[in-house]
Amino acid sequence: MAMNLDNASQKQLNELEQLTRQMLVVLRQAKLHDEPLSKSLYELEQQLGDIRRQRFDAANPQDHSY
């Protein structure tokens, strides 16, 4: 599930990442973690994290602390 998030602001990406994590927690608590929606949300969470790290690296090329 690749989404084009290039035009999303950093604030929007942060909020999406936070809400995605919250939804994944609720789905796990409801024992629905094997549902296709959970897999899609996990992939979205990964994509959001990758974008966040790429943007950080682009803005801070001298900082490779992680």
Protein backbone atom coordinates (compact mmCIF):
# COMPACT_ATOMS: atom_id res chain seq x y z
CA MET A 1 0.00 0.00 0.00
CA ALA A 2 2.26 2.77 -1.21
CA MET A 3 0.80 6.19 -0.68
CA ASN A 4 2.16 9.40 -2.12
CA LEU A 5 2.93 11.43 0.99
CA ASP A 6 5.42 13.82 -0.60
CA ASN A 7 3.14 16.84 -0.20
CA ALA A 8 2.20 16.15 3.42
CA SER A 9 3.71 18.50 5.97
CA GLN A 10 5.93 17.19 8.74
CA LYS A 11 3.16 17.91 11.23
CA GLN A 12 0.69 15.86 9.18
CA LEU A 13 3.17 12.99 8.86
CA ASN A 14 3.80 12.99 12.60
CA GLU A 15 0.08 12.93 13.33
CA LEU A 16 -0.53 10.14 10.82
CA GLU A 17 2.28 8.08 12.33
CA GLN A 18 0.96 8.60 15.87
CA LEU A 19 -2.64 7.74 14.91
CA THR A 20 -1.52 4.69 12.95
CA ARG A 21 0.35 3.39 16.00
CA GLN A 22 -2.70 3.98 18.18
CA MET A 23 -4.92 2.07 15.77
CA LEU A 24 -2.47 -0.82 15.70
CA VAL A 25 -2.51 -0.98 19.50
CA VAL A 26 -6.32 -1.07 19.58
CA LEU A 27 -6.42 -3.77 16.90
CA ARG A 28 -3.93 -5.87 18.89
CA GLN A 29 -5.96 -5.41 22.06
CA ALA A 30 -9.08 -6.51 20.20
CA LYS A 31 -7.15 -9.53 18.89
CA LEU A 32 -7.62 -8.33 15.32
CA HIS A 33 -3.91 -8.09 14.56
CA ASP A 34 -4.15 -10.80 11.86
CA GLU A 35 -6.67 -8.83 9.80
CA PRO A 36 -5.66 -7.32 6.44
CA LEU A 37 -6.26 -3.84 7.86
CA SER A 38 -3.58 -4.45 10.49
CA LYS A 39 -1.09 -5.42 7.82
CA SER A 40 -1.91 -2.30 5.79
CA LEU A 41 -1.58 -0.07 8.85
CA TYR A 42 1.76 -1.66 9.74
CA GLU A 43 3.00 -0.98 6.19
CA LEU A 44 1.79 2.62 6.44
CA GLU A 45 3.59 3.02 9.76
CA GLN A 46 6.79 1.74 8.16
CA GLN A 47 6.40 4.09 5.18
CA LEU A 48 5.79 7.08 7.46
CA GLY A 49 8.86 6.23 9.53
CA ASP A 50 10.99 5.94 6.40
CA ILE A 51 9.80 9.33 5.15
CA ARG A 52 10.46 10.90 8.56
CA ARG A 53 14.03 9.54 8.60
CA GLN A 54 14.67 10.61 4.99
CA ARG A 55 13.48 14.13 5.70
CA PHE A 56 15.57 14.30 8.85
CA ASP A 57 18.66 13.11 6.97
CA ALA A 58 18.05 15.63 4.19
CA ALA A 59 17.69 18.49 6.69
CA ASN A 60 20.63 17.34 8.83
CA PRO A 61 23.27 15.79 6.56
CA GLN A 62 25.98 16.17 9.21
CA ASP A 63 24.02 14.26 11.89
CA HIS A 64 24.25 10.47 11.63
CA SER A 65 23.61 9.65 15.27
CA TYR A 66 21.09 6.86 14.79
